[in-house]
Amino acid sequence: MVYLQMNSLKPEDTAVYYCAQDRDRF
């Protein structure tokens, strides 16, 4: 699991949020 805790949100934070995994290990 990966999490993103977002506090003090602003209207400019409005967006579609994506998680992603890097190509390479370590």
mmCIF file of all heavy atoms, coordinates in Angstrom:
data_MODEL
# 
_entry.id   MODEL 
# 
loop_
_atom_site.group_PDB 
_atom_site.id 
_atom_site.type_symbol 
_atom_site.label_atom_id 
_atom_site.label_alt_id 
_atom_site.label_comp_id 
_atom_site.label_asym_id 
_atom_site.label_entity_id 
_atom_site.label_seq_id 
_atom_site.pdbx_PDB_ins_code 
_atom_site.Cartn_x 
_atom_site.Cartn_y 
_atom_site.Cartn_z 
_atom_site.occupancy 
_atom_site.B_iso_or_equiv 
_atom_site.pdbx_formal_charge 
_atom_site.auth_seq_id 
_atom_site.auth_comp_id 
_atom_site.auth_asym_id 
_atom_site.auth_atom_id 
_atom_site.pdbx_PDB_model_num 
ATOM 1   N N   . MET A 1 1  ? 0.831   -1.204 0.000   1.00 0.00 ? 1  MET A N   1 
ATOM 2   C CA  . MET A 1 1  ? 0.000   0.000  0.000   1.00 0.00 ? 1  MET A CA  1 
ATOM 3   C C   . MET A 1 1  ? 0.867   1.256  0.000   1.00 0.00 ? 1  MET A C   1 
ATOM 4   O O   . MET A 1 1  ? 1.938   1.287  0.608   1.00 0.00 ? 1  MET A O   1 
ATOM 5   C CB  . MET A 1 1  ? -0.903  0.044  1.234   1.00 0.00 ? 1  MET A CB  1 
ATOM 6   C CG  . MET A 1 1  ? -1.941  -1.042 1.308   1.00 0.00 ? 1  MET A CG  1 
ATOM 7   S SD  . MET A 1 1  ? -3.249  -0.855 0.070   1.00 0.00 ? 1  MET A SD  1 
ATOM 8   C CE  . MET A 1 1  ? -3.997  0.681  0.572   1.00 0.00 ? 1  MET A CE  1 
ATOM 9   N N   . VAL A 1 2  ? 0.355   2.274  -0.678  1.00 0.00 ? 2  VAL A N   1 
ATOM 10  C CA  . VAL A 1 2  ? 0.941   3.618  -0.645  1.00 0.00 ? 2  VAL A CA  1 
ATOM 11  C C   . VAL A 1 2  ? -0.180  4.584  -0.277  1.00 0.00 ? 2  VAL A C   1 
ATOM 12  O O   . VAL A 1 2  ? -1.311  4.418  -0.740  1.00 0.00 ? 2  VAL A O   1 
ATOM 13  C CB  . VAL A 1 2  ? 1.520   4.030  -2.011  1.00 0.00 ? 2  VAL A CB  1 
ATOM 14  C CG1 . VAL A 1 2  ? 2.231   5.372  -1.905  1.00 0.00 ? 2  VAL A CG1 1 
ATOM 15  C CG2 . VAL A 1 2  ? 2.464   2.975  -2.534  1.00 0.00 ? 2  VAL A CG2 1 
ATOM 16  N N   . TYR A 1 3  ? 0.148   5.585  0.522   1.00 0.00 ? 3  TYR A N   1 
ATOM 17  C CA  . TYR A 1 3  ? -0.850  6.536  0.976   1.00 0.00 ? 3  TYR A CA  1 
ATOM 18  C C   . TYR A 1 3  ? -0.384  7.961  0.682   1.00 0.00 ? 3  TYR A C   1 
ATOM 19  O O   . TYR A 1 3  ? 0.819   8.234  0.614   1.00 0.00 ? 3  TYR A O   1 
ATOM 20  C CB  . TYR A 1 3  ? -1.083  6.394  2.482   1.00 0.00 ? 3  TYR A CB  1 
ATOM 21  C CG  . TYR A 1 3  ? -1.445  4.999  2.913   1.00 0.00 ? 3  TYR A CG  1 
ATOM 22  C CD1 . TYR A 1 3  ? -0.477  4.150  3.451   1.00 0.00 ? 3  TYR A CD1 1 
ATOM 23  C CD2 . TYR A 1 3  ? -2.751  4.524  2.783   1.00 0.00 ? 3  TYR A CD2 1 
ATOM 24  C CE1 . TYR A 1 3  ? -0.794  2.873  3.855   1.00 0.00 ? 3  TYR A CE1 1 
ATOM 25  C CE2 . TYR A 1 3  ? -3.073  3.228  3.177   1.00 0.00 ? 3  TYR A CE2 1 
ATOM 26  C CZ  . TYR A 1 3  ? -2.098  2.416  3.705   1.00 0.00 ? 3  TYR A CZ  1 
ATOM 27  O OH  . TYR A 1 3  ? -2.418  1.134  4.103   1.00 0.00 ? 3  TYR A OH  1 
ATOM 28  N N   . LEU A 1 4  ? -1.355  8.836  0.547   1.00 0.00 ? 4  LEU A N   1 
ATOM 29  C CA  . LEU A 1 4  ? -1.071  10.268 0.456   1.00 0.00 ? 4  LEU A CA  1 
ATOM 30  C C   . LEU A 1 4  ? -2.045  10.988 1.375   1.00 0.00 ? 4  LEU A C   1 
ATOM 31  O O   . LEU A 1 4  ? -3.240  11.069 1.077   1.00 0.00 ? 4  LEU A O   1 
ATOM 32  C CB  . LEU A 1 4  ? -1.205  10.777 -0.975  1.00 0.00 ? 4  LEU A CB  1 
ATOM 33  C CG  . LEU A 1 4  ? -0.783  12.236 -1.179  1.00 0.00 ? 4  LEU A CG  1 
ATOM 34  C CD1 . LEU A 1 4  ? 0.727   12.387 -0.990  1.00 0.00 ? 4  LEU A CD1 1 
ATOM 35  C CD2 . LEU A 1 4  ? -1.182  12.740 -2.570  1.00 0.00 ? 4  LEU A CD2 1 
ATOM 36  N N   . GLN A 1 5  ? -1.531  11.446 2.490   1.00 0.00 ? 5  GLN A N   1 
ATOM 37  C CA  . GLN A 1 5  ? -2.338  12.238 3.424   1.00 0.00 ? 5  GLN A CA  1 
ATOM 38  C C   . GLN A 1 5  ? -2.284  13.688 2.982   1.00 0.00 ? 5  GLN A C   1 
ATOM 39  O O   . GLN A 1 5  ? -1.202  14.274 2.903   1.00 0.00 ? 5  GLN A O   1 
ATOM 40  C CB  . GLN A 1 5  ? -1.800  12.085 4.845   1.00 0.00 ? 5  GLN A CB  1 
ATOM 41  C CG  . GLN A 1 5  ? -2.557  12.913 5.878   1.00 0.00 ? 5  GLN A CG  1 
ATOM 42  C CD  . GLN A 1 5  ? -3.988  12.456 6.066   1.00 0.00 ? 5  GLN A CD  1 
ATOM 43  O OE1 . GLN A 1 5  ? -4.250  11.253 6.146   1.00 0.00 ? 5  GLN A OE1 1 
ATOM 44  N NE2 . GLN A 1 5  ? -4.919  13.390 6.135   1.00 0.00 ? 5  GLN A NE2 1 
ATOM 45  N N   . MET A 1 6  ? -3.439  14.257 2.718   1.00 0.00 ? 6  MET A N   1 
ATOM 46  C CA  . MET A 1 6  ? -3.523  15.624 2.219   1.00 0.00 ? 6  MET A CA  1 
ATOM 47  C C   . MET A 1 6  ? -4.275  16.485 3.221   1.00 0.00 ? 6  MET A C   1 
ATOM 48  O O   . MET A 1 6  ? -5.463  16.232 3.489   1.00 0.00 ? 6  MET A O   1 
ATOM 49  C CB  . MET A 1 6  ? -4.229  15.649 0.857   1.00 0.00 ? 6  MET A CB  1 
ATOM 50  C CG  . MET A 1 6  ? -3.609  14.705 -0.164  1.00 0.00 ? 6  MET A CG  1 
ATOM 51  S SD  . MET A 1 6  ? -4.352  14.865 -1.801  1.00 0.00 ? 6  MET A SD  1 
ATOM 52  C CE  . MET A 1 6  ? -6.009  14.301 -1.458  1.00 0.00 ? 6  MET A CE  1 
ATOM 53  N N   . ASN A 1 7  ? -3.601  17.462 3.777   1.00 0.00 ? 7  ASN A N   1 
ATOM 54  C CA  . ASN A 1 7  ? -4.198  18.382 4.750   1.00 0.00 ? 7  ASN A CA  1 
ATOM 55  C C   . ASN A 1 7  ? -4.219  19.797 4.190   1.00 0.00 ? 7  ASN A C   1 
ATOM 56  O O   . ASN A 1 7  ? -3.513  20.107 3.227   1.00 0.00 ? 7  ASN A O   1 
ATOM 57  C CB  . ASN A 1 7  ? -3.403  18.341 6.052   1.00 0.00 ? 7  ASN A CB  1 
ATOM 58  C CG  . ASN A 1 7  ? -3.402  16.974 6.709   1.00 0.00 ? 7  ASN A CG  1 
ATOM 59  O OD1 . ASN A 1 7  ? -4.355  16.187 6.594   1.00 0.00 ? 7  ASN A OD1 1 
ATOM 60  N ND2 . ASN A 1 7  ? -2.322  16.663 7.423   1.00 0.00 ? 7  ASN A ND2 1 
ATOM 61  N N   . SER A 1 8  ? -5.005  20.633 4.823   1.00 0.00 ? 8  SER A N   1 
ATOM 62  C CA  . SER A 1 8  ? -5.098  22.049 4.419   1.00 0.00 ? 8  SER A CA  1 
ATOM 63  C C   . SER A 1 8  ? -5.306  22.175 2.913   1.00 0.00 ? 8  SER A C   1 
ATOM 64  O O   . SER A 1 8  ? -4.621  22.952 2.235   1.00 0.00 ? 8  SER A O   1 
ATOM 65  C CB  . SER A 1 8  ? -3.836  22.798 4.841   1.00 0.00 ? 8  SER A CB  1 
ATOM 66  O OG  . SER A 1 8  ? -3.615  22.692 6.227   1.00 0.00 ? 8  SER A OG  1 
ATOM 67  N N   . LEU A 1 9  ? -6.258  21.439 2.416   1.00 0.00 ? 9  LEU A N   1 
ATOM 68  C CA  . LEU A 1 9  ? -6.483  21.403 0.975   1.00 0.00 ? 9  LEU A CA  1 
ATOM 69  C C   . LEU A 1 9  ? -6.956  22.739 0.441   1.00 0.00 ? 9  LEU A C   1 
ATOM 70  O O   . LEU A 1 9  ? -7.702  23.482 1.115   1.00 0.00 ? 9  LEU A O   1 
ATOM 71  C CB  . LEU A 1 9  ? -7.462  20.303 0.625   1.00 0.00 ? 9  LEU A CB  1 
ATOM 72  C CG  . LEU A 1 9  ? -6.859  18.889 0.642   1.00 0.00 ? 9  LEU A CG  1 
ATOM 73  C CD1 . LEU A 1 9  ? -7.937  17.829 0.751   1.00 0.00 ? 9  LEU A CD1 1 
ATOM 74  C CD2 . LEU A 1 9  ? -6.018  18.664 -0.599  1.00 0.00 ? 9  LEU A CD2 1 
ATOM 75  N N   . LYS A 1 10 ? -6.521  23.037 -0.782  1.00 0.00 ? 10 LYS A N   1 
ATOM 76  C CA  . LYS A 1 10 ? -6.859  24.280 -1.452  1.00 0.00 ? 10 LYS A CA  1 
ATOM 77  C C   . LYS A 1 10 ? -7.584  23.971 -2.763  1.00 0.00 ? 10 LYS A C   1 
ATOM 78  O O   . LYS A 1 10 ? -7.402  22.884 -3.321  1.00 0.00 ? 10 LYS A O   1 
ATOM 79  C CB  . LYS A 1 10 ? -5.585  25.061 -1.761  1.00 0.00 ? 10 LYS A CB  1 
ATOM 80  C CG  . LYS A 1 10 ? -4.690  25.323 -0.567  1.00 0.00 ? 10 LYS A CG  1 
ATOM 81  C CD  . LYS A 1 10 ? -3.392  25.989 -1.001  1.00 0.00 ? 10 LYS A CD  1 
ATOM 82  C CE  . LYS A 1 10 ? -2.471  26.230 0.182   1.00 0.00 ? 10 LYS A CE  1 
ATOM 83  N NZ  . LYS A 1 10 ? -1.194  26.875 -0.235  1.00 0.00 ? 10 LYS A NZ  1 
ATOM 84  N N   . PRO A 1 11 ? -8.349  24.918 -3.270  1.00 0.00 ? 11 PRO A N   1 
ATOM 85  C CA  . PRO A 1 11 ? -9.023  24.675 -4.558  1.00 0.00 ? 11 PRO A CA  1 
ATOM 86  C C   . PRO A 1 11 ? -8.049  24.283 -5.668  1.00 0.00 ? 11 PRO A C   1 
ATOM 87  O O   . PRO A 1 11 ? -8.402  23.470 -6.541  1.00 0.00 ? 11 PRO A O   1 
ATOM 88  C CB  . PRO A 1 11 ? -9.704  26.014 -4.845  1.00 0.00 ? 11 PRO A CB  1 
ATOM 89  C CG  . PRO A 1 11 ? -9.973  26.581 -3.490  1.00 0.00 ? 11 PRO A CG  1 
ATOM 90  C CD  . PRO A 1 11 ? -8.789  26.180 -2.653  1.00 0.00 ? 11 PRO A CD  1 
ATOM 91  N N   . GLU A 1 12 ? -6.841  24.807 -5.621  1.00 0.00 ? 12 GLU A N   1 
ATOM 92  C CA  . GLU A 1 12 ? -5.859  24.480 -6.656  1.00 0.00 ? 12 GLU A CA  1 
ATOM 93  C C   . GLU A 1 12 ? -5.312  23.060 -6.547  1.00 0.00 ? 12 GLU A C   1 
ATOM 94  O O   . GLU A 1 12 ? -4.553  22.615 -7.412  1.00 0.00 ? 12 GLU A O   1 
ATOM 95  C CB  . GLU A 1 12 ? -4.703  25.488 -6.660  1.00 0.00 ? 12 GLU A CB  1 
ATOM 96  C CG  . GLU A 1 12 ? -4.073  25.721 -5.318  1.00 0.00 ? 12 GLU A CG  1 
ATOM 97  C CD  . GLU A 1 12 ? -4.636  26.955 -4.603  1.00 0.00 ? 12 GLU A CD  1 
ATOM 98  O OE1 . GLU A 1 12 ? -5.876  27.153 -4.636  1.00 0.00 ? 12 GLU A OE1 1 
ATOM 99  O OE2 . GLU A 1 12 ? -3.820  27.703 -4.024  1.00 0.00 ? 12 GLU A OE2 1 
ATOM 100 N N   . ASP A 1 13 ? -5.683  22.344 -5.492  1.00 0.00 ? 13 ASP A N   1 
ATOM 101 C CA  . ASP A 1 13 ? -5.314  20.932 -5.385  1.00 0.00 ? 13 ASP A CA  1 
ATOM 102 C C   . ASP A 1 13 ? -6.286  20.030 -6.152  1.00 0.00 ? 13 ASP A C   1 
ATOM 103 O O   . ASP A 1 13 ? -6.063  18.817 -6.252  1.00 0.00 ? 13 ASP A O   1 
ATOM 104 C CB  . ASP A 1 13 ? -5.287  20.495 -3.915  1.00 0.00 ? 13 ASP A CB  1 
ATOM 105 C CG  . ASP A 1 13 ? -4.207  21.177 -3.110  1.00 0.00 ? 13 ASP A CG  1 
ATOM 106 O OD1 . ASP A 1 13 ? -3.081  21.314 -3.627  1.00 0.00 ? 13 ASP A OD1 1 
ATOM 107 O OD2 . ASP A 1 13 ? -4.485  21.576 -1.955  1.00 0.00 ? 13 ASP A OD2 1 
ATOM 108 N N   . THR A 1 14 ? -7.351  20.616 -6.670  1.00 0.00 ? 14 THR A N   1 
ATOM 109 C CA  . THR A 1 14 ? -8.321  19.850 -7.441  1.00 0.00 ? 14 THR A CA  1 
ATOM 110 C C   . THR A 1 14 ? -7.664  19.225 -8.666  1.00 0.00 ? 14 THR A C   1 
ATOM 111 O O   . THR A 1 14 ? -7.049  19.929 -9.478  1.00 0.00 ? 14 THR A O   1 
ATOM 112 C CB  . THR A 1 14 ? -9.487  20.749 -7.879  1.00 0.00 ? 14 THR A CB  1 
ATOM 113 O OG1 . THR A 1 14 ? -10.191 21.185 -6.715  1.00 0.00 ? 14 THR A OG1 1 
ATOM 114 C CG2 . THR A 1 14 ? -10.447 20.002 -8.797  1.00 0.00 ? 14 THR A CG2 1 
ATOM 115 N N   . ALA A 1 15 ? -7.782  17.907 -8.775  1.00 0.00 ? 15 ALA A N   1 
ATOM 116 C CA  . ALA A 1 15 ? -7.131  17.191 -9.873  1.00 0.00 ? 15 ALA A CA  1 
ATOM 117 C C   . ALA A 1 15 ? -7.478  15.713 -9.769  1.00 0.00 ? 15 ALA A C   1 
ATOM 118 O O   . ALA A 1 15 ? -8.042  15.257 -8.759  1.00 0.00 ? 15 ALA A O   1 
ATOM 119 C CB  . ALA A 1 15 ? -5.615  17.359 -9.803  1.00 0.00 ? 15 ALA A CB  1 
ATOM 120 N N   . VAL A 1 16 ? -7.113  14.982 -10.799 1.00 0.00 ? 16 VAL A N   1 
ATOM 121 C CA  . VAL A 1 16 ? -7.107  13.521 -10.718 1.00 0.00 ? 16 VAL A CA  1 
ATOM 122 C C   . VAL A 1 16 ? -5.731  13.109 -10.211 1.00 0.00 ? 16 VAL A C   1 
ATOM 123 O O   . VAL A 1 16 ? -4.710  13.543 -10.760 1.00 0.00 ? 16 VAL A O   1 
ATOM 124 C CB  . VAL A 1 16 ? -7.398  12.861 -12.078 1.00 0.00 ? 16 VAL A CB  1 
ATOM 125 C CG1 . VAL A 1 16 ? -7.313  11.344 -11.954 1.00 0.00 ? 16 VAL A CG1 1 
ATOM 126 C CG2 . VAL A 1 16 ? -8.772  13.292 -12.587 1.00 0.00 ? 16 VAL A CG2 1 
ATOM 127 N N   . TYR A 1 17 ? -5.712  12.289 -9.172  1.00 0.00 ? 17 TYR A N   1 
ATOM 128 C CA  . TYR A 1 17 ? -4.457  11.876 -8.545  1.00 0.00 ? 17 TYR A CA  1 
ATOM 129 C C   . TYR A 1 17 ? -4.137  10.428 -8.943  1.00 0.00 ? 17 TYR A C   1 
ATOM 130 O O   . TYR A 1 17 ? -5.012  9.548  -8.889  1.00 0.00 ? 17 TYR A O   1 
ATOM 131 C CB  . TYR A 1 17 ? -4.571  12.001 -7.034  1.00 0.00 ? 17 TYR A CB  1 
ATOM 132 C CG  . TYR A 1 17 ? -4.457  13.423 -6.553  1.00 0.00 ? 17 TYR A CG  1 
ATOM 133 C CD1 . TYR A 1 17 ? -5.486  14.342 -6.769  1.00 0.00 ? 17 TYR A CD1 1 
ATOM 134 C CD2 . TYR A 1 17 ? -3.307  13.873 -5.902  1.00 0.00 ? 17 TYR A CD2 1 
ATOM 135 C CE1 . TYR A 1 17 ? -5.377  15.662 -6.352  1.00 0.00 ? 17 TYR A CE1 1 
ATOM 136 C CE2 . TYR A 1 17 ? -3.198  15.189 -5.478  1.00 0.00 ? 17 TYR A CE2 1 
ATOM 137 C CZ  . TYR A 1 17 ? -4.228  16.068 -5.699  1.00 0.00 ? 17 TYR A CZ  1 
ATOM 138 O OH  . TYR A 1 17 ? -4.111  17.380 -5.289  1.00 0.00 ? 17 TYR A OH  1 
ATOM 139 N N   . TYR A 1 18 ? -2.869  10.228 -9.308  1.00 0.00 ? 18 TYR A N   1 
ATOM 140 C CA  . TYR A 1 18 ? -2.398  8.923  -9.763  1.00 0.00 ? 18 TYR A CA  1 
ATOM 141 C C   . TYR A 1 18 ? -1.233  8.441  -8.915  1.00 0.00 ? 18 TYR A C   1 
ATOM 142 O O   . TYR A 1 18 ? -0.352  9.237  -8.580  1.00 0.00 ? 18 TYR A O   1 
ATOM 143 C CB  . TYR A 1 18 ? -1.900  9.010  -11.206 1.00 0.00 ? 18 TYR A CB  1 
ATOM 144 C CG  . TYR A 1 18 ? -2.916  9.473  -12.210 1.00 0.00 ? 18 TYR A CG  1 
ATOM 145 C CD1 . TYR A 1 18 ? -3.072  10.829 -12.486 1.00 0.00 ? 18 TYR A CD1 1 
ATOM 146 C CD2 . TYR A 1 18 ? -3.700  8.561  -12.913 1.00 0.00 ? 18 TYR A CD2 1 
ATOM 147 C CE1 . TYR A 1 18 ? -3.997  11.266 -13.425 1.00 0.00 ? 18 TYR A CE1 1 
ATOM 148 C CE2 . TYR A 1 18 ? -4.620  8.991  -13.855 1.00 0.00 ? 18 TYR A CE2 1 
ATOM 149 C CZ  . TYR A 1 18 ? -4.763  10.342 -14.103 1.00 0.00 ? 18 TYR A CZ  1 
ATOM 150 O OH  . TYR A 1 18 ? -5.677  10.764 -15.040 1.00 0.00 ? 18 TYR A OH  1 
ATOM 151 N N   . CYS A 1 19 ? -1.227  7.163  -8.604  1.00 0.00 ? 19 CYS A N   1 
ATOM 152 C CA  . CYS A 1 19 ? -0.019  6.591  -8.018  1.00 0.00 ? 19 CYS A CA  1 
ATOM 153 C C   . CYS A 1 19 ? 0.738   5.848  -9.121  1.00 0.00 ? 19 CYS A C   1 
ATOM 154 O O   . CYS A 1 19 ? 0.148   5.419  -10.117 1.00 0.00 ? 19 CYS A O   1 
ATOM 155 C CB  . CYS A 1 19 ? -0.320  5.670  -6.841  1.00 0.00 ? 19 CYS A CB  1 
ATOM 156 S SG  . CYS A 1 19 ? -1.213  4.174  -7.235  1.00 0.00 ? 19 CYS A SG  1 
ATOM 157 N N   . ALA A 1 20 ? 2.041   5.727  -8.930  1.00 0.00 ? 20 ALA A N   1 
ATOM 158 C CA  . ALA A 1 20 ? 2.887   5.129  -9.952  1.00 0.00 ? 20 ALA A CA  1 
ATOM 159 C C   . ALA A 1 20 ? 4.064   4.405  -9.308  1.00 0.00 ? 20 ALA A C   1 
ATOM 160 O O   . ALA A 1 20 ? 4.507   4.769  -8.215  1.00 0.00 ? 20 ALA A O   1 
ATOM 161 C CB  . ALA A 1 20 ? 3.400   6.211  -10.903 1.00 0.00 ? 20 ALA A CB  1 
ATOM 162 N N   . GLN A 1 21 ? 4.548   3.394  -10.032 1.00 0.00 ? 21 GLN A N   1 
ATOM 163 C CA  . GLN A 1 21 ? 5.700   2.626  -9.556  1.00 0.00 ? 21 GLN A CA  1 
ATOM 164 C C   . GLN A 1 21 ? 6.878   2.843  -10.499 1.00 0.00 ? 21 GLN A C   1 
ATOM 165 O O   . GLN A 1 21 ? 6.722   2.827  -11.720 1.00 0.00 ? 21 GLN A O   1 
ATOM 166 C CB  . GLN A 1 21 ? 5.349   1.133  -9.507  1.00 0.00 ? 21 GLN A CB  1 
ATOM 167 C CG  . GLN A 1 21 ? 6.493   0.243  -9.017  1.00 0.00 ? 21 GLN A CG  1 
ATOM 168 C CD  . GLN A 1 21 ? 6.083   -1.195 -8.886  1.00 0.00 ? 21 GLN A CD  1 
ATOM 169 O OE1 . GLN A 1 21 ? 5.228   -1.554 -8.086  1.00 0.00 ? 21 GLN A OE1 1 
ATOM 170 N NE2 . GLN A 1 21 ? 6.719   -2.059 -9.695  1.00 0.00 ? 21 GLN A NE2 1 
ATOM 171 N N   . ASP A 1 22 ? 8.044   3.035  -9.932  1.00 0.00 ? 22 ASP A N   1 
ATOM 172 C CA  . ASP A 1 22 ? 9.262   3.282  -10.713 1.00 0.00 ? 22 ASP A CA  1 
ATOM 173 C C   . ASP A 1 22 ? 9.596   2.083  -11.591 1.00 0.00 ? 22 ASP A C   1 
ATOM 174 O O   . ASP A 1 22 ? 9.241   0.941  -11.292 1.00 0.00 ? 22 ASP A O   1 
ATOM 175 C CB  . ASP A 1 22 ? 10.419  3.563  -9.738  1.00 0.00 ? 22 ASP A CB  1 
ATOM 176 C CG  . ASP A 1 22 ? 11.574  4.278  -10.396 1.00 0.00 ? 22 ASP A CG  1 
ATOM 177 O OD1 . ASP A 1 22 ? 12.221  3.660  -11.253 1.00 0.00 ? 22 ASP A OD1 1 
ATOM 178 O OD2 . ASP A 1 22 ? 11.824  5.442  -10.041 1.00 0.00 ? 22 ASP A OD2 1 
ATOM 179 N N   . ARG A 1 23 ? 10.348  2.363  -12.671 1.00 0.00 ? 23 ARG A N   1 
ATOM 180 C CA  . ARG A 1 23 ? 10.747  1.312  -13.606 1.00 0.00 ? 23 ARG A CA  1 
ATOM 181 C C   . ARG A 1 23 ? 11.730  0.327  -13.015 1.00 0.00 ? 23 ARG A C   1 
ATOM 182 O O   . ARG A 1 23 ? 11.724  -0.858 -13.314 1.00 0.00 ? 23 ARG A O   1 
ATOM 183 C CB  . ARG A 1 23 ? 11.403  1.946  -14.838 1.00 0.00 ? 23 ARG A CB  1 
ATOM 184 C CG  . ARG A 1 23 ? 10.466  2.728  -15.692 1.00 0.00 ? 23 ARG A CG  1 
ATOM 185 C CD  . ARG A 1 23 ? 11.209  3.329  -16.876 1.00 0.00 ? 23 ARG A CD  1 
ATOM 186 N NE  . ARG A 1 23 ? 10.313  4.074  -17.725 1.00 0.00 ? 23 ARG A NE  1 
ATOM 187 C CZ  . ARG A 1 23 ? 9.565   3.533  -18.667 1.00 0.00 ? 23 ARG A CZ  1 
ATOM 188 N NH1 . ARG A 1 23 ? 9.633   2.242  -18.909 1.00 0.00 ? 23 ARG A NH1 1 
ATOM 189 N NH2 . ARG A 1 23 ? 8.768   4.287  -19.390 1.00 0.00 ? 23 ARG A NH2 1 
ATOM 190 N N   . ASP A 1 24 ? 12.638  0.846  -12.166 1.00 0.00 ? 24 ASP A N   1 
ATOM 191 C CA  . ASP A 1 24 ? 13.772  0.053  -11.714 1.00 0.00 ? 24 ASP A CA  1 
ATOM 192 C C   . ASP A 1 24 ? 13.752  -0.151 -10.206 1.00 0.00 ? 24 ASP A C   1 
ATOM 193 O O   . ASP A 1 24 ? 13.308  0.710  -9.462  1.00 0.00 ? 24 ASP A O   1 
ATOM 194 C CB  . ASP A 1 24 ? 15.077  0.746  -12.111 1.00 0.00 ? 24 ASP A CB  1 
ATOM 195 C CG  . ASP A 1 24 ? 15.180  0.939  -13.609 1.00 0.00 ? 24 ASP A CG  1 
ATOM 196 O OD1 . ASP A 1 24 ? 14.977  -0.042 -14.338 1.00 0.00 ? 24 ASP A OD1 1 
ATOM 197 O OD2 . ASP A 1 24 ? 15.460  2.077  -14.042 1.00 0.00 ? 24 ASP A OD2 1 
ATOM 198 N N   . ARG A 1 25 ? 14.291  -1.258 -9.801  1.00 0.00 ? 25 ARG A N   1 
ATOM 199 C CA  . ARG A 1 25 ? 14.341  -1.573 -8.374  1.00 0.00 ? 25 ARG A CA  1 
ATOM 200 C C   . ARG A 1 25 ? 15.496  -0.875 -7.667  1.00 0.00 ? 25 ARG A C   1 
ATOM 201 O O   . ARG A 1 25 ? 16.499  -0.535 -8.286  1.00 0.00 ? 25 ARG A O   1 
ATOM 202 C CB  . ARG A 1 25 ? 14.505  -3.088 -8.174  1.00 0.00 ? 25 ARG A CB  1 
ATOM 203 C CG  . ARG A 1 25 ? 13.365  -3.923 -8.698  1.00 0.00 ? 25 ARG A CG  1 
ATOM 204 C CD  . ARG A 1 25 ? 13.569  -5.381 -8.320  1.00 0.00 ? 25 ARG A CD  1 
ATOM 205 N NE  . ARG A 1 25 ? 14.751  -5.951 -8.941  1.00 0.00 ? 25 ARG A NE  1 
ATOM 206 C CZ  . ARG A 1 25 ? 15.290  -7.100 -8.575  1.00 0.00 ? 25 ARG A CZ  1 
ATOM 207 N NH1 . ARG A 1 25 ? 14.780  -7.776 -7.553  1.00 0.00 ? 25 ARG A NH1 1 
ATOM 208 N NH2 . ARG A 1 25 ? 16.331  -7.566 -9.200  1.00 0.00 ? 25 ARG A NH2 1 
ATOM 209 N N   . PHE A 1 26 ? 15.320  -0.696 -6.371  1.00 0.00 ? 26 PHE A N   1 
ATOM 210 C CA  . PHE A 1 26 ? 16.385  -0.240 -5.469  1.00 0.00 ? 26 PHE A CA  1 
ATOM 211 C C   . PHE A 1 26 ? 17.063  1.062  -5.901  1.00 0.00 ? 26 PHE A C   1 
ATOM 212 O O   . PHE A 1 26 ? 18.263  1.249  -5.663  1.00 0.00 ? 26 PHE A O   1 
ATOM 213 C CB  . PHE A 1 26 ? 17.451  -1.331 -5.315  1.00 0.00 ? 26 PHE A CB  1 
ATOM 214 C CG  . PHE A 1 26 ? 16.913  -2.650 -4.854  1.00 0.00 ? 26 PHE A CG  1 
ATOM 215 C CD1 . PHE A 1 26 ? 17.160  -3.812 -5.567  1.00 0.00 ? 26 PHE A CD1 1 
ATOM 216 C CD2 . PHE A 1 26 ? 16.152  -2.743 -3.700  1.00 0.00 ? 26 PHE A CD2 1 
ATOM 217 C CE1 . PHE A 1 26 ? 16.663  -5.041 -5.141  1.00 0.00 ? 26 PHE A CE1 1 
ATOM 218 C CE2 . PHE A 1 26 ? 15.642  -3.957 -3.267  1.00 0.00 ? 26 PHE A CE2 1 
ATOM 219 C CZ  . PHE A 1 26 ? 15.907  -5.107 -3.998  1.00 0.00 ? 26 PHE A CZ  1 
# 
